[in-house]
Amino acid sequence: MPCAPRQTYDRRLRISLLLLMAALLASAATAALAADEPDLIFRRSTVFKLLSPNDKLATYGVDDPEVEGVACHFTVPEKGGVKGWLGVAEQVSDISLSCSQIGPIHFKEKLGQGDDMFRQRRSFFFKKMQIVRGCDAKRNVLVYMVYSDKLIEGSPKNSTSSVPIMPWGAADSTVQKCGEFIQ
């Protein structure tokens, strides 16, 4: 038996309220995890939207938690519109990466080749961005790669950045070899 118009309206209203509550909870959880988030450097609008947030490019900075003296900056597109505002838009995989030595490099512990250095969700359910770290022992260079993946299929879009391990000032006479810290 088909639903009466009033029942259909009530059902849609309940679903809308549940979606709004889920979006609010997701935004509250995001605010609670802000300490784990990278530092926002700046955002720049790329596509104007009249009644909702614009599409943007956002540049963030993050320190390598296991290698003191290395920082990475990455730029990601952020979808605007209603879906972007609610946090349910699937973000595209176009991500650029640049990593640099910002002080004396010291390894805090042994690392695995290709270990995650940073990870961030790029969609409500299935997509995440990852920055992984490796060591080119022959050249004593740390190599960072950013890519995004989905539960079902990955993305071939990626970016790579290299950080040669160099002495930092006159006081830093010993240069650690990354090959000694890779398991």
C-alpha atoms as a PDB file:
ATOM      1  CA  MET A   1       0.000   0.000   0.000  1.00  0.00           C
ATOM      2  CA  PRO A   2       1.544   3.378  -0.989  1.00  0.00           C
ATOM      3  CA  CYS A   3       2.492   5.859   1.727  1.00  0.00           C
ATOM      4  CA  ALA A   4       0.255   8.839   2.317  1.00  0.00           C
ATOM      5  CA  PRO A   5       1.805  12.213   1.389  1.00  0.00           C
ATOM      6  CA  ARG A   6       2.116  13.213   5.074  1.00  0.00           C
ATOM      7  CA  GLN A   7       3.980   9.974   5.950  1.00  0.00           C
ATOM      8  CA  THR A   8       6.385  10.507   3.025  1.00  0.00           C
ATOM      9  CA  TYR A   9       7.078  14.054   4.178  1.00  0.00           C
ATOM     10  CA  ASP A  10       7.678  12.934   7.787  1.00  0.00           C
ATOM     11  CA  ARG A  11      10.018  10.175   6.626  1.00  0.00           C
ATOM     12  CA  ARG A  12      12.047  12.594   4.481  1.00  0.00           C
ATOM     13  CA  LEU A  13      12.220  15.053   7.351  1.00  0.00           C
ATOM     14  CA  ARG A  14      13.537  12.341   9.712  1.00  0.00           C
ATOM     15  CA  ILE A  15      16.163  11.263   7.165  1.00  0.00           C
ATOM     16  CA  SER A  16      17.236  14.889   6.645  1.00  0.00           C
ATOM     17  CA  LEU A  17      17.548  15.412  10.407  1.00  0.00           C
ATOM     18  CA  LEU A  18      19.595  12.215  10.775  1.00  0.00           C
ATOM     19  CA  LEU A  19      21.955  13.334   7.989  1.00  0.00           C
ATOM     20  CA  LEU A  20      22.325  16.765   9.606  1.00  0.00           C
ATOM     21  CA  MET A  21      23.072  15.165  12.990  1.00  0.00           C
ATOM     22  CA  ALA A  22      25.674  12.870  11.381  1.00  0.00           C
ATOM     23  CA  ALA A  23      27.344  15.855   9.715  1.00  0.00           C
ATOM     24  CA  LEU A  24      27.399  17.768  13.017  1.00  0.00           C
ATOM     25  CA  LEU A  25      28.886  14.772  14.841  1.00  0.00           C
ATOM     26  CA  ALA A  26      31.535  14.366  12.136  1.00  0.00           C
ATOM     27  CA  SER A  27      32.441  18.045  12.394  1.00  0.00           C
ATOM     28  CA  ALA A  28      32.629  17.790  16.211  1.00  0.00           C
ATOM     29  CA  ALA A  29      34.888  14.731  15.911  1.00  0.00           C
ATOM     30  CA  THR A  30      37.070  16.639  13.450  1.00  0.00           C
ATOM     31  CA  ALA A  31      37.378  19.541  15.901  1.00  0.00           C
ATOM     32  CA  ALA A  32      38.306  17.116  18.701  1.00  0.00           C
ATOM     33  CA  LEU A  33      41.091  15.657  16.545  1.00  0.00           C
ATOM     34  CA  ALA A  34      42.462  19.078  15.523  1.00  0.00           C
ATOM     35  CA  ALA A  35      45.698  18.413  17.429  1.00  0.00           C
ATOM     36  CA  ASP A  36      46.426  15.536  15.016  1.00  0.00           C
ATOM     37  CA  GLU A  37      45.737  17.697  11.973  1.00  0.00           C
ATOM     38  CA  PRO A  38      48.424  19.415   9.909  1.00  0.00           C
ATOM     39  CA  ASP A  39      48.905  23.179  10.181  1.00  0.00           C
ATOM     40  CA  LEU A  40      46.875  25.178   7.649  1.00  0.00           C
ATOM     41  CA  ILE A  41      49.220  27.640   5.926  1.00  0.00           C
ATOM     42  CA  PHE A  42      46.655  29.250   3.573  1.00  0.00           C
ATOM     43  CA  ARG A  43      43.672  28.604   1.303  1.00  0.00           C
ATOM     44  CA  ARG A  44      42.901  30.084  -2.097  1.00  0.00           C
ATOM     45  CA  SER A  45      39.474  29.964  -3.819  1.00  0.00           C
ATOM     46  CA  THR A  46      39.480  28.404  -7.270  1.00  0.00           C
ATOM     47  CA  VAL A  47      35.774  28.067  -8.169  1.00  0.00           C
ATOM     48  CA  PHE A  48      33.130  30.564  -7.058  1.00  0.00           C
ATOM     49  CA  LYS A  49      29.859  29.165  -5.673  1.00  0.00           C
ATOM     50  CA  LEU A  50      27.009  31.628  -5.116  1.00  0.00           C
ATOM     51  CA  LEU A  51      25.151  30.157  -2.128  1.00  0.00           C
ATOM     52  CA  SER A  52      27.684  27.701  -0.672  1.00  0.00           C
ATOM     53  CA  PRO A  53      31.421  27.555   0.058  1.00  0.00           C
ATOM     54  CA  ASN A  54      33.817  27.924  -2.884  1.00  0.00           C
ATOM     55  CA  ASP A  55      36.116  25.172  -4.140  1.00  0.00           C
ATOM     56  CA  LYS A  56      39.613  25.882  -2.804  1.00  0.00           C
ATOM     57  CA  LEU A  57      43.231  24.837  -2.838  1.00  0.00           C
ATOM     58  CA  ALA A  58      44.627  24.511   0.686  1.00  0.00           C
ATOM     59  CA  THR A  59      48.289  24.293   1.661  1.00  0.00           C
ATOM     60  CA  TYR A  60      49.235  22.529   4.904  1.00  0.00           C
ATOM     61  CA  GLY A  61      52.458  21.882   6.811  1.00  0.00           C
ATOM     62  CA  VAL A  62      53.321  18.779   8.807  1.00  0.00           C
ATOM     63  CA  ASP A  63      56.486  17.716  10.645  1.00  0.00           C
ATOM     64  CA  ASP A  64      57.761  14.175  10.261  1.00  0.00           C
ATOM     65  CA  PRO A  65      56.948  12.629  13.660  1.00  0.00           C
ATOM     66  CA  GLU A  66      59.791  10.075  13.474  1.00  0.00           C
ATOM     67  CA  VAL A  67      62.540  12.196  11.864  1.00  0.00           C
ATOM     68  CA  GLU A  68      63.381  15.410  13.650  1.00  0.00           C
ATOM     69  CA  GLY A  69      64.423  18.203  11.288  1.00  0.00           C
ATOM     70  CA  VAL A  70      62.128  17.403   8.320  1.00  0.00           C
ATOM     71  CA  ALA A  71      58.903  19.215   7.421  1.00  0.00           C
ATOM     72  CA  CYS A  72      56.554  18.605   4.504  1.00  0.00           C
ATOM     73  CA  HIS A  73      54.050  20.907   2.844  1.00  0.00           C
ATOM     74  CA  PHE A  74      51.233  19.599   0.688  1.00  0.00           C
ATOM     75  CA  THR A  75      48.492  21.277  -1.307  1.00  0.00           C
ATOM     76  CA  VAL A  76      45.108  19.611  -1.707  1.00  0.00           C
ATOM     77  CA  PRO A  77      41.921  20.636  -3.497  1.00  0.00           C
ATOM     78  CA  GLU A  78      38.919  21.062  -1.186  1.00  0.00           C
ATOM     79  CA  LYS A  79      35.438  20.728  -2.661  1.00  0.00           C
ATOM     80  CA  GLY A  80      32.945  23.448  -1.854  1.00  0.00           C
ATOM     81  CA  GLY A  81      29.229  23.386  -2.462  1.00  0.00           C
ATOM     82  CA  VAL A  82      26.676  21.852  -0.137  1.00  0.00           C
ATOM     83  CA  LYS A  83      28.382  18.429  -0.092  1.00  0.00           C
ATOM     84  CA  GLY A  84      31.735  20.020   0.758  1.00  0.00           C
ATOM     85  CA  TRP A  85      30.129  22.139   3.484  1.00  0.00           C
ATOM     86  CA  LEU A  86      28.517  19.039   5.013  1.00  0.00           C
ATOM     87  CA  GLY A  87      31.785  17.104   4.744  1.00  0.00           C
ATOM     88  CA  VAL A  88      30.414  14.354   2.487  1.00  0.00           C
ATOM     89  CA  ALA A  89      31.991  15.361  -0.857  1.00  0.00           C
ATOM     90  CA  GLU A  90      34.603  12.974  -2.205  1.00  0.00           C
ATOM     91  CA  GLN A  91      37.806  14.948  -2.627  1.00  0.00           C
ATOM     92  CA  VAL A  92      39.893  14.498  -5.777  1.00  0.00           C
ATOM     93  CA  SER A  93      43.330  12.882  -5.707  1.00  0.00           C
ATOM     94  CA  ASP A  94      45.374  15.810  -7.046  1.00  0.00           C
ATOM     95  CA  ILE A  95      47.882  16.425  -4.238  1.00  0.00           C
ATOM     96  CA  SER A  96      51.305  18.082  -4.484  1.00  0.00           C
ATOM     97  CA  LEU A  97      54.125  17.586  -1.965  1.00  0.00           C
ATOM     98  CA  SER A  98      57.353  19.316  -0.986  1.00  0.00           C
ATOM     99  CA  CYS A  99      59.572  18.238   1.930  1.00  0.00           C
ATOM    100  CA  SER A 100      62.683  20.007   3.256  1.00  0.00           C
ATOM    101  CA  GLN A 101      65.314  19.798   5.938  1.00  0.00           C
ATOM    102  CA  ILE A 102      64.502  22.503   8.510  1.00  0.00           C
ATOM    103  CA  GLY A 103      67.137  21.646  11.137  1.00  0.00           C
ATOM    104  CA  PRO A 104      69.603  18.946  12.128  1.00  0.00           C
ATOM    105  CA  ILE A 105      68.190  15.542  11.156  1.00  0.00           C
ATOM    106  CA  HIS A 106      67.877  12.993  13.955  1.00  0.00           C
ATOM    107  CA  PHE A 107      66.035   9.683  13.686  1.00  0.00           C
ATOM    108  CA  LYS A 108      63.909   8.965  16.761  1.00  0.00           C
ATOM    109  CA  GLU A 109      63.735   5.190  16.138  1.00  0.00           C
ATOM    110  CA  LYS A 110      64.130   2.500  13.485  1.00  0.00           C
ATOM    111  CA  LEU A 111      61.761   2.955  10.539  1.00  0.00           C
ATOM    112  CA  GLY A 112      60.285   0.673   7.929  1.00  0.00           C
ATOM    113  CA  GLN A 113      60.865   1.361   4.237  1.00  0.00           C
ATOM    114  CA  GLY A 114      57.621   2.890   2.906  1.00  0.00           C
ATOM    115  CA  ASP A 115      56.060   3.486   6.347  1.00  0.00           C
ATOM    116  CA  ASP A 116      53.233   6.011   6.675  1.00  0.00           C
ATOM    117  CA  MET A 117      54.420   9.403   7.867  1.00  0.00           C
ATOM    118  CA  PHE A 118      50.972  11.044   7.732  1.00  0.00           C
ATOM    119  CA  ARG A 119      47.436   9.914   6.881  1.00  0.00           C
ATOM    120  CA  GLN A 120      44.223  11.911   6.368  1.00  0.00           C
ATOM    121  CA  ARG A 121      40.682  11.047   5.242  1.00  0.00           C
ATOM    122  CA  ARG A 122      39.674  12.526   1.882  1.00  0.00           C
ATOM    123  CA  SER A 123      36.056  11.337   1.829  1.00  0.00           C
ATOM    124  CA  PHE A 124      33.401  10.477   4.372  1.00  0.00           C
ATOM    125  CA  PHE A 125      33.880   6.714   4.034  1.00  0.00           C
ATOM    126  CA  PHE A 126      36.476   5.184   1.743  1.00  0.00           C
ATOM    127  CA  LYS A 127      39.265   7.482   0.520  1.00  0.00           C
ATOM    128  CA  LYS A 128      42.403   8.550   2.368  1.00  0.00           C
ATOM    129  CA  MET A 129      45.558  10.478   1.550  1.00  0.00           C
ATOM    130  CA  GLN A 130      48.880   9.071   2.738  1.00  0.00           C
ATOM    131  CA  ILE A 131      52.404  10.452   2.899  1.00  0.00           C
ATOM    132  CA  VAL A 132      54.910   7.599   3.076  1.00  0.00           C
ATOM    133  CA  ARG A 133      58.625   7.769   3.794  1.00  0.00           C
ATOM    134  CA  GLY A 134      61.550   5.784   2.489  1.00  0.00           C
ATOM    135  CA  CYS A 135      65.333   5.940   2.384  1.00  0.00           C
ATOM    136  CA  ASP A 136      67.642   5.997  -0.632  1.00  0.00           C
ATOM    137  CA  ALA A 137      70.625   4.609   1.307  1.00  0.00           C
ATOM    138  CA  LYS A 138      73.043   4.910  -1.635  1.00  0.00           C
ATOM    139  CA  ARG A 139      72.535   8.699  -1.775  1.00  0.00           C
ATOM    140  CA  ASN A 140      71.610   9.208   1.934  1.00  0.00           C
ATOM    141  CA  VAL A 141      68.334  10.840   0.951  1.00  0.00           C
ATOM    142  CA  LEU A 142      64.909  10.606   2.586  1.00  0.00           C
ATOM    143  CA  VAL A 143      62.182  10.170  -0.032  1.00  0.00           C
ATOM    144  CA  TYR A 144      58.554  11.114   0.649  1.00  0.00           C
ATOM    145  CA  MET A 145      55.615  10.189  -1.589  1.00  0.00           C
ATOM    146  CA  VAL A 146      51.986  11.323  -1.306  1.00  0.00           C
ATOM    147  CA  TYR A 147      49.084   9.414  -2.863  1.00  0.00           C
ATOM    148  CA  SER A 148      45.434   8.729  -2.206  1.00  0.00           C
ATOM    149  CA  ASP A 149      43.650   5.417  -2.175  1.00  0.00           C
ATOM    150  CA  LYS A 150      40.151   4.030  -2.082  1.00  0.00           C
ATOM    151  CA  LEU A 151      38.853   0.838  -0.537  1.00  0.00           C
ATOM    152  CA  ILE A 152      38.306  -0.688  -3.986  1.00  0.00           C
ATOM    153  CA  GLU A 153      40.887   1.010  -6.218  1.00  0.00           C
ATOM    154  CA  GLY A 154      43.845   3.303  -5.719  1.00  0.00           C
ATOM    155  CA  SER A 155      44.838   6.408  -7.628  1.00  0.00           C
ATOM    156  CA  PRO A 156      47.902   6.645  -9.855  1.00  0.00           C
ATOM    157  CA  LYS A 157      48.118  10.385  -9.032  1.00  0.00           C
ATOM    158  CA  ASN A 158      51.057  10.984  -6.724  1.00  0.00           C
ATOM    159  CA  SER A 159      53.870  13.371  -5.911  1.00  0.00           C
ATOM    160  CA  THR A 160      57.391  12.705  -4.614  1.00  0.00           C
ATOM    161  CA  SER A 161      59.859  14.870  -2.695  1.00  0.00           C
ATOM    162  CA  SER A 162      63.465  14.164  -1.687  1.00  0.00           C
ATOM    163  CA  VAL A 163      65.349  15.450   1.359  1.00  0.00           C
ATOM    164  CA  PRO A 164      69.146  15.005   1.208  1.00  0.00           C
ATOM    165  CA  ILE A 165      70.534  14.578   4.727  1.00  0.00           C
ATOM    166  CA  MET A 166      73.082  17.373   5.141  1.00  0.00           C
ATOM    167  CA  PRO A 167      74.976  18.930   8.071  1.00  0.00           C
ATOM    168  CA  TRP A 168      73.036  21.783   9.677  1.00  0.00           C
ATOM    169  CA  GLY A 169      75.350  24.590  10.747  1.00  0.00           C
ATOM    170  CA  ALA A 170      78.865  24.432  12.193  1.00  0.00           C
ATOM    171  CA  ALA A 171      77.725  22.617  15.366  1.00  0.00           C
ATOM    172  CA  ASP A 172      76.212  19.713  13.397  1.00  0.00           C
ATOM    173  CA  SER A 173      79.338  17.867  12.276  1.00  0.00           C
ATOM    174  CA  THR A 174      77.866  14.352  12.264  1.00  0.00           C
ATOM    175  CA  VAL A 175      75.403  13.408   9.568  1.00  0.00           C
ATOM    176  CA  GLN A 176      73.226  10.397  10.284  1.00  0.00           C
ATOM    177  CA  LYS A 177      72.850   7.781   7.548  1.00  0.00           C
ATOM    178  CA  CYS A 178      69.203   6.949   6.820  1.00  0.00           C
ATOM    179  CA  GLY A 179      70.184   3.395   5.825  1.00  0.00           C
ATOM    180  CA  GLU A 180      71.183   2.710   9.436  1.00  0.00           C
ATOM    181  CA  PHE A 181      67.657   3.506  10.616  1.00  0.00           C
ATOM    182  CA  ILE A 182      65.620   1.479   8.131  1.00  0.00           C
ATOM    183  CA  GLN A 183      64.541  -2.010   9.224  1.00  0.00           C
END
